[in-house]
């Protein structure tokens, strides 16, 4: 009977050691997967941030160009009456 109990204790120790090794492997694999995921997320975040910055810059440049274009149109509109008045004055002489 003592031999049977000793045998069962040895089998239990072996099973516990196997379970501990499996848990250690799974923990290492999980840590590796988390690290890879974090690096991927970081890369995606940098990529999306870069795209957003580029889009914002393009929109700002487009807006500046539109403002300059309108400003030029307004200056031309301001000059037209002056030019017309000058030509009227010159023609009346």
Foldseek 3Di string as FASTA:
>chain_A
DVVVVVVVVVVVVVVVVVVVVVVVVVVVVVVVVVVVVVVVVVVVVVVVVVVVVVVVVVVVVVVVVVVVVVVVVVVVVVVVVVVVVVVVVVVVD
